[in-house]
Amino acid sequence: MNTPAEAPLRQPSEFRYRENQAQPKLQPVRRWFQRIVGVGPDLPEPVLRTLGEMYYEADPVAEAFVDEVYLHGPGAAEGRRLLDLALERGIDAVPDAPASMRRLFAELETPPNWYDARQFELGRRLFRRYGPTIYRYMGAVTLEGYRENSVAKPLVMTGAYVADSTRQRFLETAAFWRDVSDAGGMDPGGVGRKTAMRVRVMHVFVRRRLLKHPLWREQDWGVPISQADALITLMAGSIMPALHLQLMGFRPTREEKLAIMHFWRYVGHVMGVQPRWYPENISDAAQFGYYVFTKGVDGAGEDFISLSRSFAQAFLAPGQAGQTWGRRLRDWLEHRILLGTVNCFVSGPTRRRAGIPSAGLWNLYPLAGFPLLFLWETLRRGCPPLERLAYRHAEWRLRRWFAHHMHERKAEYTAVSQFTR
């Protein structure tokens, strides 16, 4: 009896995980991974196949909504009005809502079967407890992602994170992280929920325009803002800082590490990031991290260098007229802290290829407070009043950080109207 032939493998030409594993430089890494994690570094072949295919998967539910309402229906202005109304008051406030819009909001208003409110809240509180430290970390580790064209090209072609726009774009992204992690932010009517849905719709327009761009190579990179790349973003905001920031003295429990993965999984779900595979435990997440750093061709070249240097210099802005010395000093300190974070958490090869300068003694800044922070975290873990105090202190630091850097500006989540290339 003949068995059905396996469907042909569809993955971008720059997805090179299997081929890369024979490289001599990876053999010590593979051995150390086995010793430290207790399992081999490779994800199962069916998972690798799924991850490769996910480069061609986007967000069909949001795309159908944009097609029916924005492009072939009442138009962009009415589409935004309907979206804002439904986000504010629920889909029932739009009695004649198109079918695609009802399907979109059914996803938003019906939690997935894996959602656990307690885990979500535990993960949310951990994310907030890091304060602005996690924003600097998440910004820094994106330099590793810039090595790949599927990540770098959308940013360069749209003008995001390039030259003078880098600082404002990073702060807008940080404002998004703040909104979705606010207490109640992802509840109905919450600011994070509204922000996530607006970003989701914006991504549809960016994706469509990039796919039509003559320089976009779908056979090499997949679709822009794919499920595969978006999954990497979710991990970069969850398990990666939960593990790496332990070097600074933070002490999240195993339950909290799993919870922060759960938190970002739900945020991703609302944004249309609904991958067919998601890490279930720390071992899965560690294998996924190895996959991320060894799957590509490091082919972004000058775009990688431009994006990396722009971020490293984002807060090295010349003093503006009327700016106080205190504000200039805080900008200088932010630049040194950010550059120290890059030097601490970004790999040496990535920094050298990008030409990222050393921050001198500031390279040690992220680690310098380890003894005191480790002691504080140890006391906090066993004392609920100290836990609450740590959370309130982190909230205070966040408010100060945003007050200084954002001033009176608000984040704007709109698709670009023209490309820089």
Foldseek 3Di string as FASTA:
>chain_A
DDDDDDDDQAAAPFQAQVVLCPDPVCVVVQVVCCVPLVDGLADDPVVSSQLRVLLQAAFVLLLVLCVDPDPVHPHDVVSVVLLVQCLQPNNVVVVPDDPSVVVLVVLLVDDDPVADVVLLLLLLLVLLLCFCVLLLLLLLQCLLVCLDCLPLVLCQFAVELFAQNNLVNSLLVVVLSVQLSPVCSSPRNHVNLSVLQLLLNQVSVSQVVLVPDPPDDCNNRHTHPTLSVVLVSLLSSALVCVPVLVLLQADDDQSNSQSNSSNSQRSCSSSSNDRPDHDDHPSSSSSVVVSSNRGGDSHSQPSSLRSNVSSLCNLVDDDDPPDDPVLVVVSVVVSLLSLLSSLQPPDPVSCVSSVRDHSPPSVCVSNPNNVVSNVLNVVCVVDVVSVVVSSVVSVVSNVVVCCSSQPPHHRDNHHRPGTPD
